[in-house]
C-alpha atoms as a PDB file:
ATOM      1  CA  MET A   1      -0.176   0.119  -0.082  1.00  0.00           C
ATOM      2  CA  LYS A   2       2.902   2.526   0.815  1.00  0.00           C
ATOM      3  CA  ARG A   3       4.354   1.608  -2.685  1.00  0.00           C
ATOM      4  CA  VAL A   4       1.109   2.079  -4.478  1.00  0.00           C
ATOM      5  CA  ARG A   5       0.564   5.551  -2.531  1.00  0.00           C
ATOM      6  CA  LYS A   6       4.132   6.888  -3.416  1.00  0.00           C
ATOM      7  CA  ILE A   7       3.757   5.989  -7.010  1.00  0.00           C
ATOM      8  CA  ASP A   8       0.260   7.986  -7.060  1.00  0.00           C
ATOM      9  CA  PHE A   9       1.999  10.854  -5.153  1.00  0.00           C
ATOM     10  CA  ASN A  10       4.629  10.926  -7.806  1.00  0.00           C
ATOM     11  CA  THR A  11       2.316  10.463 -10.728  1.00  0.00           C
ATOM     12  CA  LEU A  12       0.371  13.534  -9.196  1.00  0.00           C
ATOM     13  CA  VAL A  13       3.535  15.662  -8.972  1.00  0.00           C
ATOM     14  CA  PHE A  14       4.258  15.019 -12.655  1.00  0.00           C
ATOM     15  CA  LEU A  15       0.661  15.794 -13.536  1.00  0.00           C
ATOM     16  CA  CYS A  16       0.340  18.888 -11.617  1.00  0.00           C
ATOM     17  CA  PRO A  17       1.822  21.190 -14.076  1.00  0.00           C
ATOM     18  CA  TYR A  18      -0.392  20.024 -16.854  1.00  0.00           C
ATOM     19  CA  PHE A  19      -3.512  20.302 -14.523  1.00  0.00           C
ATOM     20  CA  LEU A  20      -2.503  23.795 -13.486  1.00  0.00           C
ATOM     21  CA  LEU A  21      -2.170  25.392 -16.982  1.00  0.00           C
ATOM     22  CA  PHE A  22      -5.198  23.350 -18.133  1.00  0.00           C
ATOM     23  CA  PHE A  23      -7.300  25.034 -15.526  1.00  0.00           C
ATOM     24  CA  VAL A  24      -5.777  28.363 -15.850  1.00  0.00           C
ATOM     25  CA  PHE A  25      -6.135  28.464 -19.459  1.00  0.00           C
ATOM     26  CA  ILE A  26      -9.174  26.442 -20.357  1.00  0.00           C
ATOM     27  CA  VAL A  27     -11.603  25.872 -17.589  1.00  0.00           C
ATOM     28  CA  ILE A  28     -11.422  29.161 -15.955  1.00  0.00           C
ATOM     29  CA  PRO A  29     -11.861  31.103 -19.636  1.00  0.00           C
ATOM     30  CA  VAL A  30     -14.654  28.491 -20.454  1.00  0.00           C
ATOM     31  CA  PHE A  31     -16.363  29.189 -17.188  1.00  0.00           C
ATOM     32  CA  LEU A  32     -15.990  33.188 -17.464  1.00  0.00           C
ATOM     33  CA  ALA A  33     -17.305  33.004 -20.885  1.00  0.00           C
ATOM     34  CA  ILE A  34     -20.335  31.029 -20.086  1.00  0.00           C
ATOM     35  CA  LEU A  35     -21.085  33.508 -17.250  1.00  0.00           C
ATOM     36  CA  LEU A  36     -20.458  36.467 -19.452  1.00  0.00           C
ATOM     37  CA  SER A  37     -23.047  34.940 -22.092  1.00  0.00           C
ATOM     38  CA  PHE A  38     -25.759  35.897 -19.802  1.00  0.00           C
ATOM     39  CA  THR A  39     -24.822  39.388 -19.370  1.00  0.00           C
ATOM     40  CA  HIS A  40     -24.505  42.779 -21.127  1.00  0.00           C
ATOM     41  CA  PHE A  41     -20.771  43.845 -20.762  1.00  0.00           C
ATOM     42  CA  ASP A  42     -19.264  46.447 -22.815  1.00  0.00           C
ATOM     43  CA  SER A  43     -15.713  45.783 -21.344  1.00  0.00           C
ATOM     44  CA  ILE A  44     -15.828  49.123 -19.225  1.00  0.00           C
ATOM     45  CA  GLN A  45     -18.873  49.085 -16.896  1.00  0.00           C
ATOM     46  CA  PHE A  46     -19.555  46.032 -14.563  1.00  0.00           C
ATOM     47  CA  PRO A  47     -21.438  43.374 -16.384  1.00  0.00           C
ATOM     48  CA  THR A  48     -25.405  43.511 -16.016  1.00  0.00           C
ATOM     49  CA  PHE A  49     -27.164  40.060 -15.940  1.00  0.00           C
ATOM     50  CA  ILE A  50     -29.900  39.803 -18.664  1.00  0.00           C
ATOM     51  CA  GLY A  51     -30.462  36.069 -18.673  1.00  0.00           C
ATOM     52  CA  ILE A  52     -30.894  34.521 -21.894  1.00  0.00           C
ATOM     53  CA  ARG A  53     -31.527  37.318 -23.913  1.00  0.00           C
ATOM     54  CA  ASN A  54     -28.097  37.001 -25.639  1.00  0.00           C
ATOM     55  CA  TYR A  55     -29.020  33.721 -26.914  1.00  0.00           C
ATOM     56  CA  ILE A  56     -32.619  34.880 -28.022  1.00  0.00           C
ATOM     57  CA  ASN A  57     -31.269  37.739 -29.859  1.00  0.00           C
ATOM     58  CA  LEU A  58     -28.374  35.527 -31.619  1.00  0.00           C
ATOM     59  CA  PHE A  59     -30.992  32.792 -33.246  1.00  0.00           C
ATOM     60  CA  THR A  60     -33.773  35.407 -33.675  1.00  0.00           C
ATOM     61  CA  GLN A  61     -32.500  38.820 -34.263  1.00  0.00           C
ATOM     62  CA  ASP A  62     -28.798  38.505 -35.559  1.00  0.00           C
ATOM     63  CA  ALA A  63     -29.462  38.474 -39.251  1.00  0.00           C
ATOM     64  CA  THR A  64     -25.800  38.264 -40.028  1.00  0.00           C
ATOM     65  CA  PHE A  65     -25.245  35.485 -37.982  1.00  0.00           C
ATOM     66  CA  MET A  66     -28.034  33.185 -39.240  1.00  0.00           C
ATOM     67  CA  ARG A  67     -27.754  34.549 -42.963  1.00  0.00           C
ATOM     68  CA  TYR A  68     -23.940  34.760 -43.388  1.00  0.00           C
ATOM     69  CA  VAL A  69     -22.096  33.371 -40.392  1.00  0.00           C
ATOM     70  CA  LEU A  70     -23.689  29.970 -39.681  1.00  0.00           C
ATOM     71  CA  PRO A  71     -24.108  28.881 -43.402  1.00  0.00           C
ATOM     72  CA  ASN A  72     -20.602  30.062 -44.117  1.00  0.00           C
ATOM     73  CA  THR A  73     -18.887  28.130 -40.945  1.00  0.00           C
ATOM     74  CA  ILE A  74     -20.968  25.003 -41.883  1.00  0.00           C
ATOM     75  CA  ARG A  75     -20.088  25.147 -45.261  1.00  0.00           C
ATOM     76  CA  PHE A  76     -16.338  25.850 -44.526  1.00  0.00           C
ATOM     77  CA  ALA A  77     -16.371  23.019 -42.184  1.00  0.00           C
ATOM     78  CA  LEU A  78     -17.857  20.255 -44.199  1.00  0.00           C
ATOM     79  CA  ILE A  79     -15.416  20.926 -46.995  1.00  0.00           C
ATOM     80  CA  VAL A  80     -11.938  21.780 -45.233  1.00  0.00           C
ATOM     81  CA  GLY A  81     -12.808  19.442 -42.112  1.00  0.00           C
ATOM     82  CA  PRO A  82     -13.315  16.119 -44.181  1.00  0.00           C
ATOM     83  CA  GLY A  83     -11.251  17.319 -46.984  1.00  0.00           C
ATOM     84  CA  GLY A  84      -8.097  18.079 -45.010  1.00  0.00           C
ATOM     85  CA  TYR A  85      -8.595  14.719 -42.776  1.00  0.00           C
ATOM     86  CA  PHE A  86      -8.585  12.614 -46.150  1.00  0.00           C
ATOM     87  CA  LEU A  87      -6.044  14.614 -47.497  1.00  0.00           C
ATOM     88  CA  ALA A  88      -3.922  14.292 -44.521  1.00  0.00           C
ATOM     89  CA  PHE A  89      -4.252  10.462 -44.528  1.00  0.00           C
ATOM     90  CA  PHE A  90      -3.640  10.058 -48.262  1.00  0.00           C
ATOM     91  CA  MET A  91      -0.411  12.063 -47.790  1.00  0.00           C
ATOM     92  CA  ALA A  92       0.736  10.164 -44.722  1.00  0.00           C
ATOM     93  CA  TRP A  93       0.060   6.881 -46.589  1.00  0.00           C
ATOM     94  CA  LEU A  94       2.038   8.066 -49.581  1.00  0.00           C
ATOM     95  CA  LEU A  95       4.969   8.958 -47.232  1.00  0.00           C
ATOM     96  CA  ALA A  96       4.783   5.781 -45.572  1.00  0.00           C
ATOM     97  CA  GLN A  97       5.948   4.265 -49.046  1.00  0.00           C
ATOM     98  CA  VAL A  98       8.912   6.265 -49.047  1.00  0.00           C
ATOM     99  CA  PRO A  99      12.305   5.235 -47.863  1.00  0.00           C
ATOM    100  CA  HIS A 100      13.266   6.917 -44.382  1.00  0.00           C
ATOM    101  CA  LYS A 101      15.478   9.839 -45.292  1.00  0.00           C
ATOM    102  CA  PRO A 102      13.540  11.076 -48.005  1.00  0.00           C
ATOM    103  CA  ARG A 103      10.340  10.683 -46.068  1.00  0.00           C
ATOM    104  CA  THR A 104      11.641  12.571 -43.332  1.00  0.00           C
ATOM    105  CA  VAL A 105      12.467  15.947 -45.794  1.00  0.00           C
ATOM    106  CA  LEU A 106       9.111  15.285 -47.317  1.00  0.00           C
ATOM    107  CA  ALA A 107       7.112  15.287 -44.112  1.00  0.00           C
ATOM    108  CA  LEU A 108       8.994  18.362 -43.094  1.00  0.00           C
ATOM    109  CA  PHE A 109       7.806  20.121 -46.291  1.00  0.00           C
ATOM    110  CA  ILE A 110       4.426  19.119 -46.053  1.00  0.00           C
ATOM    111  CA  TYR A 111       4.114  20.041 -42.310  1.00  0.00           C
ATOM    112  CA  SER A 112       5.649  23.200 -42.544  1.00  0.00           C
ATOM    113  CA  PRO A 113       2.808  25.244 -43.797  1.00  0.00           C
ATOM    114  CA  SER A 114       0.528  24.475 -40.631  1.00  0.00           C
ATOM    115  CA  MET A 115       3.474  25.831 -38.537  1.00  0.00           C
ATOM    116  CA  THR A 116       3.364  29.139 -40.503  1.00  0.00           C
ATOM    117  CA  ALA A 117       1.441  31.784 -38.870  1.00  0.00           C
ATOM    118  CA  TRP A 118      -1.954  32.446 -40.890  1.00  0.00           C
ATOM    119  CA  VAL A 119      -0.688  36.175 -41.493  1.00  0.00           C
ATOM    120  CA  ALA A 120       2.605  34.813 -43.226  1.00  0.00           C
ATOM    121  CA  MET A 121       0.506  32.284 -45.473  1.00  0.00           C
ATOM    122  CA  SER A 122      -2.155  35.133 -46.186  1.00  0.00           C
ATOM    123  CA  VAL A 123       0.641  37.389 -47.444  1.00  0.00           C
ATOM    124  CA  LEU A 124       1.818  34.851 -49.808  1.00  0.00           C
ATOM    125  CA  TRP A 125      -1.619  33.784 -51.207  1.00  0.00           C
ATOM    126  CA  ARG A 126      -2.614  37.580 -51.202  1.00  0.00           C
ATOM    127  CA  VAL A 127       0.233  38.160 -53.802  1.00  0.00           C
ATOM    128  CA  ILE A 128      -1.023  35.211 -55.774  1.00  0.00           C
ATOM    129  CA  PHE A 129      -4.642  36.562 -55.666  1.00  0.00           C
ATOM    130  CA  SER A 130      -3.695  40.259 -56.012  1.00  0.00           C
ATOM    131  CA  GLY A 131      -6.528  42.086 -57.829  1.00  0.00           C
ATOM    132  CA  ASP A 132      -4.161  44.070 -59.939  1.00  0.00           C
ATOM    133  CA  GLU A 133      -1.954  43.013 -63.128  1.00  0.00           C
ATOM    134  CA  ALA A 134       1.017  42.395 -60.726  1.00  0.00           C
ATOM    135  CA  GLY A 135      -0.895  39.588 -59.059  1.00  0.00           C
ATOM    136  CA  TYR A 136       0.321  36.388 -60.097  1.00  0.00           C
ATOM    137  CA  LEU A 137      -2.981  34.846 -61.178  1.00  0.00           C
ATOM    138  CA  ASN A 138      -4.354  37.851 -62.929  1.00  0.00           C
ATOM    139  CA  SER A 139      -0.915  38.308 -64.670  1.00  0.00           C
ATOM    140  CA  ILE A 140      -1.003  34.570 -66.287  1.00  0.00           C
ATOM    141  CA  LEU A 141      -4.735  34.990 -67.218  1.00  0.00           C
ATOM    142  CA  LEU A 142      -3.997  38.174 -68.833  1.00  0.00           C
ATOM    143  CA  ARG A 143      -1.302  36.830 -70.712  1.00  0.00           C
ATOM    144  CA  LEU A 144      -3.486  33.937 -71.805  1.00  0.00           C
ATOM    145  CA  ASN A 145      -6.248  36.200 -73.041  1.00  0.00           C
ATOM    146  CA  MET A 146      -8.592  34.483 -70.573  1.00  0.00           C
ATOM    147  CA  ILE A 147      -9.611  37.897 -69.258  1.00  0.00           C
ATOM    148  CA  THR A 148      -9.582  41.361 -70.231  1.00  0.00           C
ATOM    149  CA  GLU A 149      -9.086  43.346 -67.005  1.00  0.00           C
ATOM    150  CA  PRO A 150      -7.609  42.115 -63.622  1.00  0.00           C
ATOM    151  CA  ILE A 151     -10.456  40.196 -61.265  1.00  0.00           C
ATOM    152  CA  GLN A 152     -10.535  41.282 -57.635  1.00  0.00           C
ATOM    153  CA  PHE A 153     -10.403  37.803 -56.301  1.00  0.00           C
ATOM    154  CA  LEU A 154      -9.979  38.694 -52.407  1.00  0.00           C
ATOM    155  CA  GLN A 155     -12.809  41.387 -52.581  1.00  0.00           C
ATOM    156  CA  SER A 156     -15.430  39.281 -54.627  1.00  0.00           C
ATOM    157  CA  PRO A 157     -17.957  37.600 -52.613  1.00  0.00           C
ATOM    158  CA  ASP A 158     -17.932  34.761 -55.386  1.00  0.00           C
ATOM    159  CA  HIS A 159     -14.263  34.267 -55.079  1.00  0.00           C
ATOM    160  CA  LEU A 160     -13.363  34.821 -51.154  1.00  0.00           C
ATOM    161  CA  MET A 161     -14.705  31.709 -49.750  1.00  0.00           C
ATOM    162  CA  PRO A 162     -13.234  29.227 -52.348  1.00  0.00           C
ATOM    163  CA  ILE A 163      -9.727  30.933 -51.907  1.00  0.00           C
ATOM    164  CA  MET A 164     -10.187  30.399 -48.110  1.00  0.00           C
ATOM    165  CA  ILE A 165     -11.025  26.866 -48.680  1.00  0.00           C
ATOM    166  CA  LEU A 166      -7.950  26.262 -50.841  1.00  0.00           C
ATOM    167  CA  VAL A 167      -5.595  27.982 -48.360  1.00  0.00           C
ATOM    168  CA  SER A 168      -6.796  26.212 -45.238  1.00  0.00           C
ATOM    169  CA  LEU A 169      -6.470  22.649 -47.181  1.00  0.00           C
ATOM    170  CA  TRP A 170      -2.818  23.801 -48.259  1.00  0.00           C
ATOM    171  CA  GLY A 171      -2.131  24.154 -44.650  1.00  0.00           C
ATOM    172  CA  SER A 172      -4.507  21.314 -43.060  1.00  0.00           C
ATOM    173  CA  MET A 173      -1.362  19.175 -42.738  1.00  0.00           C
ATOM    174  CA  GLY A 174      -0.776  19.447 -39.039  1.00  0.00           C
ATOM    175  CA  VAL A 175      -0.434  17.286 -35.877  1.00  0.00           C
ATOM    176  CA  GLY A 176      -3.328  15.205 -37.278  1.00  0.00           C
ATOM    177  CA  PHE A 177      -0.950  14.460 -40.260  1.00  0.00           C
ATOM    178  CA  LEU A 178       2.034  13.477 -38.076  1.00  0.00           C
ATOM    179  CA  ALA A 179      -0.161  11.204 -36.111  1.00  0.00           C
ATOM    180  CA  MET A 180      -1.757   9.584 -39.040  1.00  0.00           C
ATOM    181  CA  LEU A 181       2.065   8.993 -40.255  1.00  0.00           C
ATOM    182  CA  SER A 182       3.280   7.440 -37.186  1.00  0.00           C
ATOM    183  CA  GLY A 183      -0.006   5.260 -36.922  1.00  0.00           C
ATOM    184  CA  ILE A 184       0.929   3.591 -40.464  1.00  0.00           C
ATOM    185  CA  LEU A 185       4.416   3.259 -39.776  1.00  0.00           C
ATOM    186  CA  ASN A 186       3.785   1.556 -36.585  1.00  0.00           C
ATOM    187  CA  VAL A 187       1.268  -0.894 -37.993  1.00  0.00           C
ATOM    188  CA  ASN A 188       2.378  -4.597 -37.742  1.00  0.00           C
ATOM    189  CA  GLN A 189       3.802  -5.843 -40.856  1.00  0.00           C
ATOM    190  CA  GLU A 190       2.629  -9.450 -39.940  1.00  0.00           C
ATOM    191  CA  LEU A 191      -0.841  -8.220 -40.325  1.00  0.00           C
ATOM    192  CA  TYR A 192      -0.401  -7.610 -43.850  1.00  0.00           C
ATOM    193  CA  GLU A 193       1.252 -11.009 -44.462  1.00  0.00           C
ATOM    194  CA  ALA A 194      -1.542 -12.636 -42.611  1.00  0.00           C
ATOM    195  CA  ALA A 195      -4.335 -10.598 -44.679  1.00  0.00           C
ATOM    196  CA  TYR A 196      -2.675 -11.716 -47.993  1.00  0.00           C
ATOM    197  CA  ILE A 197      -2.497 -15.531 -47.055  1.00  0.00           C
ATOM    198  CA  ASP A 198      -6.326 -15.042 -46.239  1.00  0.00           C
ATOM    199  CA  GLY A 199      -6.838 -13.698 -49.749  1.00  0.00           C
ATOM    200  CA  LEU A 200      -6.215  -9.853 -49.680  1.00  0.00           C
ATOM    201  CA  ARG A 201      -5.907  -8.812 -53.227  1.00  0.00           C
ATOM    202  CA  ASN A 202      -4.737  -5.346 -53.664  1.00  0.00           C
ATOM    203  CA  ARG A 203      -3.234  -2.141 -51.625  1.00  0.00           C
ATOM    204  CA  PHE A 204      -6.932  -0.679 -51.333  1.00  0.00           C
ATOM    205  CA  GLN A 205      -7.942  -3.580 -49.557  1.00  0.00           C
ATOM    206  CA  GLU A 206      -5.068  -3.460 -47.592  1.00  0.00           C
ATOM    207  CA  VAL A 207      -5.544  -0.096 -46.477  1.00  0.00           C
ATOM    208  CA  PHE A 208      -9.342  -0.636 -45.893  1.00  0.00           C
ATOM    209  CA  TYR A 209      -8.890  -3.757 -44.065  1.00  0.00           C
ATOM    210  CA  VAL A 210      -5.568  -3.683 -42.235  1.00  0.00           C
ATOM    211  CA  THR A 211      -4.278   0.039 -42.133  1.00  0.00           C
ATOM    212  CA  ILE A 212      -7.261   1.944 -40.989  1.00  0.00           C
ATOM    213  CA  PRO A 213      -8.301  -0.641 -38.276  1.00  0.00           C
ATOM    214  CA  SER A 214      -4.923  -0.913 -37.008  1.00  0.00           C
ATOM    215  CA  MET A 215      -4.667   2.704 -36.348  1.00  0.00           C
ATOM    216  CA  ARG A 216      -7.980   3.730 -35.131  1.00  0.00           C
ATOM    217  CA  PRO A 217      -6.758   6.099 -32.324  1.00  0.00           C
ATOM    218  CA  GLN A 218      -4.725   8.014 -34.582  1.00  0.00           C
ATOM    219  CA  MET A 219      -7.474   8.220 -36.932  1.00  0.00           C
ATOM    220  CA  LEU A 220      -9.818   9.531 -34.022  1.00  0.00           C
ATOM    221  CA  PHE A 221      -7.010  11.808 -33.001  1.00  0.00           C
ATOM    222  CA  GLY A 222      -6.782  13.310 -36.439  1.00  0.00           C
ATOM    223  CA  ALA A 223     -10.534  13.762 -36.648  1.00  0.00           C
ATOM    224  CA  VAL A 224     -10.939  15.775 -33.537  1.00  0.00           C
ATOM    225  CA  MET A 225      -7.883  17.621 -34.456  1.00  0.00           C
ATOM    226  CA  ALA A 226      -9.493  18.472 -37.886  1.00  0.00           C
ATOM    227  CA  ILE A 227     -12.713  19.628 -36.360  1.00  0.00           C
ATOM    228  CA  VAL A 228     -11.184  21.939 -33.831  1.00  0.00           C
ATOM    229  CA  SER A 229      -8.697  23.814 -36.295  1.00  0.00           C
ATOM    230  CA  THR A 230     -11.575  24.022 -38.873  1.00  0.00           C
ATOM    231  CA  PHE A 231     -14.006  25.682 -36.625  1.00  0.00           C
ATOM    232  CA  GLN A 232     -11.369  27.878 -35.075  1.00  0.00           C
ATOM    233  CA  ALA A 233     -10.464  29.069 -38.532  1.00  0.00           C
ATOM    234  CA  GLY A 234     -11.419  32.857 -38.977  1.00  0.00           C
ATOM    235  CA  ALA A 235      -8.221  34.949 -39.239  1.00  0.00           C
ATOM    236  CA  ILE A 236      -7.578  33.767 -42.603  1.00  0.00           C
ATOM    237  CA  GLY A 237     -10.474  35.234 -44.290  1.00  0.00           C
ATOM    238  CA  VAL A 238      -9.741  38.773 -42.660  1.00  0.00           C
ATOM    239  CA  GLU A 239      -6.075  38.460 -43.492  1.00  0.00           C
ATOM    240  CA  LEU A 240      -6.797  37.786 -47.330  1.00  0.00           C
ATOM    241  CA  SER A 241      -9.609  40.355 -47.519  1.00  0.00           C
ATOM    242  CA  GLY A 242      -8.116  43.004 -45.184  1.00  0.00           C
ATOM    243  CA  ALA A 243     -11.399  43.631 -43.347  1.00  0.00           C
ATOM    244  CA  ASN A 244     -13.306  42.418 -40.563  1.00  0.00           C
ATOM    245  CA  PRO A 245     -16.325  42.131 -41.766  1.00  0.00           C
ATOM    246  CA  THR A 246     -15.253  40.468 -44.799  1.00  0.00           C
ATOM    247  CA  PRO A 247     -16.643  41.938 -47.946  1.00  0.00           C
ATOM    248  CA  GLN A 248     -20.502  41.286 -48.002  1.00  0.00           C
ATOM    249  CA  TYR A 249     -19.738  38.775 -45.245  1.00  0.00           C
ATOM    250  CA  ALA A 250     -18.731  36.179 -47.717  1.00  0.00           C
ATOM    251  CA  GLY A 251     -15.982  34.713 -45.687  1.00  0.00           C
ATOM    252  CA  GLN A 252     -17.523  35.682 -42.252  1.00  0.00           C
ATOM    253  CA  LEU A 253     -16.989  32.819 -39.833  1.00  0.00           C
ATOM    254  CA  PHE A 254     -17.620  32.060 -36.161  1.00  0.00           C
ATOM    255  CA  VAL A 255     -14.317  33.516 -34.991  1.00  0.00           C
ATOM    256  CA  ASN A 256     -14.934  36.535 -37.284  1.00  0.00           C
ATOM    257  CA  HIS A 257     -18.176  37.218 -35.822  1.00  0.00           C
ATOM    258  CA  ILE A 258     -16.833  37.114 -32.178  1.00  0.00           C
ATOM    259  CA  GLU A 259     -13.983  39.372 -32.928  1.00  0.00           C
ATOM    260  CA  ASP A 260     -16.454  41.935 -34.758  1.00  0.00           C
ATOM    261  CA  PHE A 261     -18.699  42.273 -31.595  1.00  0.00           C
ATOM    262  CA  GLY A 262     -16.042  41.547 -28.799  1.00  0.00           C
ATOM    263  CA  PHE A 263     -13.200  43.705 -29.979  1.00  0.00           C
ATOM    264  CA  LEU A 264     -14.608  46.279 -32.540  1.00  0.00           C
ATOM    265  CA  ARG A 265     -18.034  46.850 -30.895  1.00  0.00           C
ATOM    266  CA  PHE A 266     -16.985  46.099 -27.479  1.00  0.00           C
ATOM    267  CA  GLU A 267     -20.284  43.824 -27.130  1.00  0.00           C
ATOM    268  CA  MET A 268     -18.315  41.407 -24.770  1.00  0.00           C
ATOM    269  CA  GLY A 269     -21.361  39.671 -23.389  1.00  0.00           C
ATOM    270  CA  TYR A 270     -22.696  38.987 -26.656  1.00  0.00           C
ATOM    271  CA  ALA A 271     -19.530  38.004 -27.916  1.00  0.00           C
ATOM    272  CA  ALA A 272     -19.212  35.337 -25.153  1.00  0.00           C
ATOM    273  CA  THR A 273     -22.635  33.992 -26.429  1.00  0.00           C
ATOM    274  CA  VAL A 274     -21.431  33.148 -29.790  1.00  0.00           C
ATOM    275  CA  SER A 275     -18.173  31.783 -28.516  1.00  0.00           C
ATOM    276  CA  VAL A 276     -20.319  29.617 -26.262  1.00  0.00           C
ATOM    277  CA  ALA A 277     -22.286  28.774 -29.397  1.00  0.00           C
ATOM    278  CA  LEU A 278     -19.170  27.495 -31.123  1.00  0.00           C
ATOM    279  CA  LEU A 279     -17.791  25.733 -28.352  1.00  0.00           C
ATOM    280  CA  ALA A 280     -21.251  23.744 -28.135  1.00  0.00           C
ATOM    281  CA  MET A 281     -20.885  22.964 -31.954  1.00  0.00           C
ATOM    282  CA  VAL A 282     -17.379  21.799 -31.751  1.00  0.00           C
ATOM    283  CA  TYR A 283     -18.341  19.592 -28.940  1.00  0.00           C
ATOM    284  CA  LEU A 284     -21.384  18.026 -30.605  1.00  0.00           C
ATOM    285  CA  PHE A 285     -19.180  17.470 -33.703  1.00  0.00           C
ATOM    286  CA  ALA A 286     -16.383  15.883 -31.695  1.00  0.00           C
ATOM    287  CA  LYS A 287     -18.859  13.348 -30.283  1.00  0.00           C
ATOM    288  CA  LEU A 288     -20.321  12.710 -33.225  1.00  0.00           C
ATOM    289  CA  VAL A 289     -17.082  11.515 -34.690  1.00  0.00           C
ATOM    290  CA  ASN A 290     -16.106   9.642 -31.376  1.00  0.00           C
ATOM    291  CA  ARG A 291     -19.304   7.610 -31.740  1.00  0.00           C
ATOM    292  CA  LEU A 292     -18.831   7.180 -35.311  1.00  0.00           C
ATOM    293  CA  PHE A 293     -15.182   5.595 -34.750  1.00  0.00           C
ATOM    294  CA  LEU A 294     -16.729   3.642 -31.730  1.00  0.00           C
ATOM    295  CA  ASP A 295     -19.523   2.107 -33.531  1.00  0.00           C
ATOM    296  CA  ALA A 296     -16.774   1.323 -36.494  1.00  0.00           C
ATOM    297  CA  GLY A 297     -14.956  -0.461 -33.959  1.00  0.00           C
END
């Protein structure tokens, strides 16, 4: 019993820094955001309790949220989330077929965009989609006589969201990609041999019947990270267009709506309400993905 207590105490000591940081930077902010969502708070005067009025206004009075923010976020998430997830798995599977040294270099190249700040990435893509003749894409289209005058890609409601999706997919190879690569590389090779003896015929069946079932924890981790990173996106649209709100709200997402009310209009209570709605949406999608993986297992 003394030995067990000593082990438990040592474990607790090592876990204390994590629990302390998690409590200070996660639990307390979430708790305060939930409290503020029931108040009117202009960041100057003391918060005034108003009940669920903010939530009622969010779903009944906020036309921008219902008409632009919510549909944009759902469309963005349904494309970038699954698209980035399957792209990460596909790239990880391809790299697993490459020898060790070139695989390390290629993995660094693929992973590096996710380490670059959205601001730096938006600077690169703003040059490509610049609305004058100096923009790379406009320059190419003009030389090919496909257009007669430059297109304002980043200020056009028709082009901004597709560009945001393209840039987000380009930078979606994050820790989920590394986790999948690690999972594929650590699959027991004897399972493949046994599967081919049992009648496995091609690489597609190998991936579907052996690789994916053997790395279910990494697949689940990658799915959760894809959900979180997709729903917390928002800076990319503002950095590309140079404005918040984005032109005609074409690229307005949850995070942009929170920043608009919280830091531009100083309606902190209402911004907290939107953040709680975002938290609830992320939680529901994460639970759905977790349920799908559990049912598949």
